[in-house]
Amino acid sequence: MFTRSVIHKNDDDSGRRQGLFQALAELESKGHLQGPQLDVYQELRDWFRHHLKQPSRFARATRPHAKKVALGWFKDAAVEHIRQMRRMAALLVEHDVAVDVLQTKRPGYIVYEDEHQVAAEPFSDTPT
């Protein structure tokens, strides 16, 4: 099973619902995260920078400037990563941003994989 956390706003690149990393970065850039919330966000951002690899691909196409449509999903074994995502979700909920947790056995065409995650171009029946 694979897990993905999303908000209800669509991402400009993928056209699918935006993930929590982008949603929180947007709140920070608008100055909505301050004090203890900003501290928690920065702690979480740093944790993920040290414990999660940046996918090297977000598209099946290998041509330059291919549209990045792959979505990130955590593997079931990434228990600590999923726990940290729940903390990120809590920050968004404090700002009245609804968060949904999606699960699937079929995330799509996998274009990147490591021990904690996959990036996959979704199938037509993949929840996004």
N, C-alpha and C. Protein backbone atom coordinates (compact mmCIF):
# COMPACT_ATOMS: atom_id res chain seq x y z
N MET A 1 0.84 -1.18 0.00
CA MET A 1 0.00 0.00 0.00
C MET A 1 0.89 1.25 0.00
N PHE A 2 0.45 2.27 -0.68
CA PHE A 2 1.16 3.55 -0.78
C PHE A 2 0.27 4.65 -0.22
N THR A 3 0.88 5.65 0.42
CA THR A 3 0.15 6.73 1.07
C THR A 3 0.61 8.08 0.56
N ARG A 4 -0.37 8.96 0.32
CA ARG A 4 -0.08 10.33 -0.13
C ARG A 4 -1.01 11.27 0.60
N SER A 5 -0.49 12.38 1.10
CA SER A 5 -1.30 13.39 1.78
C SER A 5 -1.43 14.60 0.86
N VAL A 6 -2.66 15.11 0.73
CA VAL A 6 -2.93 16.19 -0.21
C VAL A 6 -3.90 17.20 0.39
N ILE A 7 -3.92 18.40 -0.24
CA ILE A 7 -4.93 19.41 0.09
C ILE A 7 -5.87 19.49 -1.10
N HIS A 8 -6.85 20.39 -1.06
CA HIS A 8 -7.85 20.45 -2.12
C HIS A 8 -7.48 21.36 -3.27
N LYS A 9 -6.36 22.05 -3.17
CA LYS A 9 -5.89 22.93 -4.24
C LYS A 9 -5.07 22.11 -5.24
N ASN A 10 -5.28 22.37 -6.53
CA ASN A 10 -4.51 21.66 -7.56
C ASN A 10 -3.14 22.29 -7.76
N ASP A 11 -2.17 21.44 -8.06
CA ASP A 11 -0.80 21.85 -8.37
C ASP A 11 -0.74 22.30 -9.82
N ASP A 12 -0.02 23.39 -10.08
CA ASP A 12 0.08 23.91 -11.44
C ASP A 12 0.79 22.94 -12.38
N ASP A 13 1.83 22.23 -11.92
CA ASP A 13 2.59 21.34 -12.79
C ASP A 13 1.83 20.06 -13.12
N SER A 14 1.37 19.36 -12.08
CA SER A 14 0.76 18.05 -12.30
C SER A 14 -0.72 18.12 -12.63
N GLY A 15 -1.39 19.21 -12.22
CA GLY A 15 -2.83 19.30 -12.40
C GLY A 15 -3.60 18.47 -11.38
N ARG A 16 -2.88 17.87 -10.45
CA ARG A 16 -3.49 17.03 -9.40
C ARG A 16 -3.44 17.80 -8.08
N ARG A 17 -4.09 17.25 -7.06
CA ARG A 17 -4.10 17.95 -5.78
C ARG A 17 -2.68 18.12 -5.23
N GLN A 18 -2.47 19.27 -4.64
CA GLN A 18 -1.16 19.66 -4.13
C GLN A 18 -0.80 18.86 -2.88
N GLY A 19 0.49 18.51 -2.77
CA GLY A 19 0.99 17.82 -1.59
C GLY A 19 1.31 18.78 -0.47
N LEU A 20 1.62 18.23 0.69
CA LEU A 20 1.82 19.05 1.89
C LEU A 20 3.10 19.87 1.85
N PHE A 21 4.15 19.37 1.20
CA PHE A 21 5.39 20.14 1.13
C PHE A 21 5.13 21.48 0.43
N GLN A 22 4.45 21.43 -0.70
CA GLN A 22 4.15 22.65 -1.45
C GLN A 22 3.18 23.55 -0.69
N ALA A 23 2.18 22.96 -0.08
CA ALA A 23 1.18 23.75 0.64
C ALA A 23 1.81 24.52 1.80
N LEU A 24 2.68 23.87 2.56
CA LEU A 24 3.33 24.56 3.68
C LEU A 24 4.34 25.59 3.21
N ALA A 25 5.06 25.29 2.14
CA ALA A 25 6.01 26.27 1.60
C ALA A 25 5.27 27.53 1.16
N GLU A 26 4.09 27.35 0.61
CA GLU A 26 3.28 28.50 0.19
C GLU A 26 2.82 29.32 1.40
N LEU A 27 2.38 28.64 2.46
CA LEU A 27 1.99 29.36 3.68
C LEU A 27 3.17 30.14 4.25
N GLU A 28 4.35 29.51 4.24
CA GLU A 28 5.53 30.20 4.76
C GLU A 28 5.87 31.42 3.90
N SER A 29 5.83 31.27 2.59
CA SER A 29 6.21 32.38 1.71
C SER A 29 5.24 33.56 1.84
N LYS A 30 4.02 33.29 2.23
CA LYS A 30 3.03 34.36 2.43
C LYS A 30 3.08 34.94 3.84
N GLY A 31 3.97 34.40 4.68
CA GLY A 31 4.13 34.93 6.03
C GLY A 31 3.07 34.45 7.02
N HIS A 32 2.35 33.36 6.67
CA HIS A 32 1.29 32.86 7.55
C HIS A 32 1.80 31.96 8.66
N LEU A 33 3.03 31.47 8.53
CA LEU A 33 3.61 30.66 9.60
C LEU A 33 4.55 31.54 10.41
N GLN A 34 4.22 31.69 11.68
CA GLN A 34 5.04 32.54 12.54
C GLN A 34 5.20 31.89 13.90
N GLY A 35 6.20 32.34 14.62
CA GLY A 35 6.45 31.86 15.98
C GLY A 35 6.64 30.36 16.04
N PRO A 36 5.94 29.70 16.98
CA PRO A 36 6.10 28.25 17.16
C PRO A 36 5.74 27.44 15.90
N GLN A 37 4.76 27.90 15.14
CA GLN A 37 4.39 27.19 13.91
C GLN A 37 5.53 27.21 12.89
N LEU A 38 6.17 28.35 12.77
CA LEU A 38 7.31 28.45 11.85
C LEU A 38 8.45 27.55 12.32
N ASP A 39 8.67 27.51 13.63
CA ASP A 39 9.71 26.64 14.18
C ASP A 39 9.44 25.17 13.86
N VAL A 40 8.19 24.74 14.03
CA VAL A 40 7.81 23.35 13.75
C VAL A 40 7.98 23.07 12.26
N TYR A 41 7.53 23.99 11.41
CA TYR A 41 7.66 23.81 9.97
C TYR A 41 9.13 23.66 9.57
N GLN A 42 9.98 24.54 10.09
CA GLN A 42 11.40 24.48 9.75
C GLN A 42 12.04 23.19 10.25
N GLU A 43 11.63 22.73 11.43
CA GLU A 43 12.13 21.47 11.97
C GLU A 43 11.73 20.31 11.05
N LEU A 44 10.46 20.30 10.63
CA LEU A 44 9.98 19.24 9.75
C LEU A 44 10.66 19.29 8.38
N ARG A 45 10.80 20.47 7.84
CA ARG A 45 11.46 20.64 6.54
C ARG A 45 12.90 20.11 6.61
N ASP A 46 13.61 20.46 7.69
CA ASP A 46 14.98 19.99 7.86
C ASP A 46 15.03 18.47 8.05
N TRP A 47 14.06 17.93 8.79
CA TRP A 47 14.02 16.48 9.00
C TRP A 47 13.89 15.77 7.66
N PHE A 48 12.98 16.23 6.83
CA PHE A 48 12.78 15.59 5.52
C PHE A 48 14.00 15.78 4.62
N ARG A 49 14.65 16.91 4.69
CA ARG A 49 15.86 17.12 3.89
C ARG A 49 16.94 16.10 4.23
N HIS A 50 16.98 15.68 5.48
CA HIS A 50 18.00 14.73 5.92
C HIS A 50 17.56 13.27 5.80
N HIS A 51 16.27 13.01 5.75
CA HIS A 51 15.77 11.63 5.80
C HIS A 51 14.97 11.19 4.57
N LEU A 52 14.90 12.04 3.56
CA LEU A 52 14.15 11.67 2.36
C LEU A 52 14.89 12.19 1.13
N LYS A 53 15.21 11.29 0.22
CA LYS A 53 15.89 11.68 -1.01
C LYS A 53 14.95 12.45 -1.91
N GLN A 54 15.51 13.41 -2.64
CA GLN A 54 14.74 14.14 -3.65
C GLN A 54 14.65 13.25 -4.89
N PRO A 55 13.44 12.91 -5.35
CA PRO A 55 13.35 12.08 -6.56
C PRO A 55 14.10 12.71 -7.73
N SER A 56 14.76 11.86 -8.50
CA SER A 56 15.52 12.35 -9.64
C SER A 56 14.66 12.51 -10.88
N ARG A 57 13.46 11.96 -10.86
CA ARG A 57 12.55 12.06 -12.02
C ARG A 57 11.13 12.28 -11.56
N PHE A 58 10.37 13.04 -12.35
CA PHE A 58 8.95 13.23 -12.12
C PHE A 58 8.15 13.04 -13.40
N ALA A 59 8.77 12.39 -14.40
CA ALA A 59 8.09 12.14 -15.67
C ALA A 59 8.66 10.88 -16.31
N ARG A 60 7.80 10.15 -17.04
CA ARG A 60 8.29 9.00 -17.79
C ARG A 60 9.13 9.46 -18.98
N ALA A 61 8.72 10.56 -19.58
CA ALA A 61 9.43 11.07 -20.75
C ALA A 61 10.84 11.50 -20.35
N THR A 62 11.80 11.21 -21.21
CA THR A 62 13.18 11.58 -20.92
C THR A 62 13.62 12.85 -21.64
N ARG A 63 12.74 13.40 -22.45
CA ARG A 63 13.11 14.61 -23.19
C ARG A 63 13.25 15.79 -22.22
N PRO A 64 14.09 16.75 -22.56
CA PRO A 64 14.24 17.93 -21.71
C PRO A 64 12.91 18.67 -21.58
N HIS A 65 12.66 19.20 -20.44
CA HIS A 65 11.45 19.99 -20.15
C HIS A 65 10.16 19.18 -20.24
N ALA A 66 10.25 17.86 -20.05
CA ALA A 66 9.04 17.03 -20.01
C ALA A 66 8.17 17.49 -18.85
N LYS A 67 6.86 17.48 -19.05
CA LYS A 67 5.94 17.91 -18.00
C LYS A 67 6.05 16.98 -16.79
N LYS A 68 6.22 17.58 -15.62
CA LYS A 68 6.40 16.81 -14.38
C LYS A 68 5.03 16.45 -13.82
N VAL A 69 4.60 15.22 -14.08
CA VAL A 69 3.27 14.81 -13.66
C VAL A 69 3.27 13.68 -12.64
N ALA A 70 4.45 13.17 -12.28
CA ALA A 70 4.53 12.10 -11.29
C ALA A 70 4.23 12.65 -9.90
N LEU A 71 3.58 11.82 -9.10
CA LEU A 71 3.21 12.19 -7.74
C LEU A 71 4.01 11.34 -6.75
N GLY A 72 4.33 11.92 -5.60
CA GLY A 72 5.08 11.20 -4.58
C GLY A 72 4.17 10.43 -3.65
N TRP A 73 4.53 9.19 -3.39
CA TRP A 73 3.79 8.30 -2.48
C TRP A 73 4.78 7.66 -1.52
N PHE A 74 4.39 7.56 -0.25
CA PHE A 74 5.22 6.85 0.72
C PHE A 74 4.85 5.38 0.74
N LYS A 75 5.87 4.55 0.89
CA LYS A 75 5.66 3.12 1.07
C LYS A 75 5.20 2.87 2.50
N ASP A 76 4.49 1.76 2.71
CA ASP A 76 4.04 1.40 4.07
C ASP A 76 5.18 1.33 5.07
N ALA A 77 6.35 0.91 4.63
CA ALA A 77 7.49 0.76 5.53
C ALA A 77 8.05 2.10 6.02
N ALA A 78 7.63 3.20 5.40
CA ALA A 78 8.14 4.53 5.77
C ALA A 78 7.33 5.09 6.95
N VAL A 79 7.27 4.34 8.01
CA VAL A 79 6.42 4.67 9.16
C VAL A 79 6.76 6.04 9.75
N GLU A 80 8.04 6.30 9.96
CA GLU A 80 8.45 7.58 10.56
C GLU A 80 8.16 8.74 9.61
N HIS A 81 8.34 8.55 8.32
CA HIS A 81 8.04 9.60 7.34
C HIS A 81 6.56 9.94 7.35
N ILE A 82 5.73 8.92 7.42
CA ILE A 82 4.27 9.13 7.46
C ILE A 82 3.89 9.84 8.75
N ARG A 83 4.54 9.49 9.85
CA ARG A 83 4.26 10.16 11.14
C ARG A 83 4.61 11.65 11.04
N GLN A 84 5.74 11.96 10.42
CA GLN A 84 6.14 13.36 10.26
C GLN A 84 5.16 14.10 9.33
N MET A 85 4.62 13.41 8.35
CA MET A 85 3.62 14.03 7.47
C MET A 85 2.37 14.38 8.26
N ARG A 86 2.01 13.57 9.22
CA ARG A 86 0.84 13.89 10.07
C ARG A 86 1.08 15.20 10.83
N ARG A 87 2.31 15.42 11.27
CA ARG A 87 2.64 16.68 11.94
C ARG A 87 2.51 17.85 10.97
N MET A 88 2.91 17.64 9.70
CA MET A 88 2.76 18.68 8.69
C MET A 88 1.27 18.95 8.45
N ALA A 89 0.49 17.90 8.39
CA ALA A 89 -0.95 18.04 8.18
C ALA A 89 -1.58 18.85 9.32
N ALA A 90 -1.12 18.62 10.54
CA ALA A 90 -1.66 19.35 11.69
C ALA A 90 -1.40 20.85 11.55
N LEU A 91 -0.25 21.24 11.04
CA LEU A 91 0.04 22.67 10.81
C LEU A 91 -0.94 23.26 9.80
N LEU A 92 -1.22 22.52 8.75
CA LEU A 92 -2.15 23.02 7.73
C LEU A 92 -3.56 23.14 8.29
N VAL A 93 -3.98 22.15 9.07
CA VAL A 93 -5.32 22.18 9.67
C VAL A 93 -5.47 23.39 10.59
N GLU A 94 -4.39 23.77 11.28
CA GLU A 94 -4.42 24.98 12.13
C GLU A 94 -4.71 26.23 11.31
N HIS A 95 -4.47 26.17 10.01
CA HIS A 95 -4.75 27.30 9.11
C HIS A 95 -5.98 27.04 8.25
N ASP A 96 -6.84 26.15 8.74
CA ASP A 96 -8.10 25.81 8.06
C ASP A 96 -7.90 25.26 6.66
N VAL A 97 -6.80 24.55 6.44
CA VAL A 97 -6.54 23.88 5.17
C VAL A 97 -6.85 22.40 5.38
N ALA A 98 -7.86 21.91 4.68
CA ALA A 98 -8.25 20.50 4.81
C ALA A 98 -7.19 19.60 4.17
N VAL A 99 -6.90 18.50 4.84
CA VAL A 99 -5.91 17.54 4.36
C VAL A 99 -6.59 16.18 4.22
N ASP A 100 -6.38 15.54 3.08
CA ASP A 100 -6.87 14.18 2.85
C ASP A 100 -5.68 13.24 2.73
N VAL A 101 -5.84 12.04 3.26
CA VAL A 101 -4.82 11.01 3.14
C VAL A 101 -5.35 9.98 2.15
N LEU A 102 -4.61 9.81 1.05
CA LEU A 102 -4.99 8.87 0.01
C LEU A 102 -4.16 7.61 0.15
N GLN A 103 -4.76 6.47 -0.15
CA GLN A 103 -4.02 5.21 -0.14
C GLN A 103 -4.39 4.41 -1.39
N THR A 104 -3.40 3.72 -1.91
CA THR A 104 -3.63 2.90 -3.09
C THR A 104 -2.59 1.80 -3.16
N LYS A 105 -2.94 0.74 -3.84
CA LYS A 105 -1.97 -0.31 -4.15
C LYS A 105 -1.36 -0.07 -5.52
N ARG A 106 -1.97 0.86 -6.30
CA ARG A 106 -1.54 1.13 -7.68
C ARG A 106 -1.30 2.64 -7.86
N PRO A 107 -0.11 3.12 -7.50
CA PRO A 107 0.13 4.56 -7.61
C PRO A 107 0.31 5.04 -9.05
N GLY A 108 0.59 4.13 -9.98
CA GLY A 108 0.77 4.52 -11.37
C GLY A 108 2.06 3.97 -11.94
N TYR A 109 2.50 4.59 -13.04
CA TYR A 109 3.76 4.21 -13.68
C TYR A 109 4.90 4.77 -12.85
N ILE A 110 5.65 3.90 -12.21
CA ILE A 110 6.71 4.34 -11.30
C ILE A 110 7.91 4.84 -12.11
N VAL A 111 8.28 6.10 -11.86
CA VAL A 111 9.41 6.72 -12.56
C VAL A 111 10.61 6.90 -11.63
N TYR A 112 10.39 6.76 -10.33
CA TYR A 112 11.46 6.87 -9.34
C TYR A 112 11.06 6.03 -8.14
N GLU A 113 12.06 5.37 -7.52
CA GLU A 113 11.79 4.59 -6.32
C GLU A 113 13.04 4.54 -5.45
N ASP A 114 12.82 4.66 -4.13
CA ASP A 114 13.88 4.40 -3.17
C ASP A 114 13.26 3.64 -2.01
N GLU A 115 13.97 3.51 -0.90
CA GLU A 115 13.48 2.67 0.19
C GLU A 115 12.22 3.20 0.87
N HIS A 116 11.95 4.51 0.76
CA HIS A 116 10.82 5.11 1.47
C HIS A 116 9.67 5.54 0.58
N GLN A 117 9.92 5.73 -0.69
CA GLN A 117 8.92 6.38 -1.54
C GLN A 117 9.00 5.93 -2.99
N VAL A 118 7.94 6.28 -3.72
CA VAL A 118 7.94 6.19 -5.18
C VAL A 118 7.41 7.51 -5.71
N ALA A 119 7.79 7.83 -6.93
CA ALA A 119 7.17 8.90 -7.70
C ALA A 119 6.55 8.19 -8.90
N ALA A 120 5.27 8.42 -9.13
CA ALA A 120 4.57 7.67 -10.16
C ALA A 120 3.61 8.56 -10.93
N GLU A 121 3.58 8.38 -12.25
CA GLU A 121 2.56 9.02 -13.08
C GLU A 121 1.28 8.22 -12.87
N PRO A 122 0.23 8.84 -12.36
CA PRO A 122 -0.97 8.09 -11.97
C PRO A 122 -1.68 7.42 -13.14
N PHE A 123 -2.23 6.25 -12.84
CA PHE A 123 -3.15 5.58 -13.76
C PHE A 123 -4.46 6.35 -13.73
N SER A 124 -5.35 6.08 -14.67
CA SER A 124 -6.63 6.80 -14.69
C SER A 124 -7.48 6.50 -13.44
N ASP A 125 -7.26 5.34 -12.81
CA ASP A 125 -8.05 5.00 -11.62
C ASP A 125 -7.30 5.24 -10.31
N THR A 126 -6.12 5.86 -10.38
CA THR A 126 -5.36 6.18 -9.17
C THR A 126 -5.99 7.37 -8.47
N PRO A 127 -6.25 7.28 -7.16
CA PRO A 127 -6.80 8.44 -6.45
C PRO A 127 -5.77 9.56 -6.42
N THR A 128 -6.18 10.76 -6.80
CA THR A 128 -5.25 11.89 -6.80
C THR A 128 -5.91 13.09 -6.17
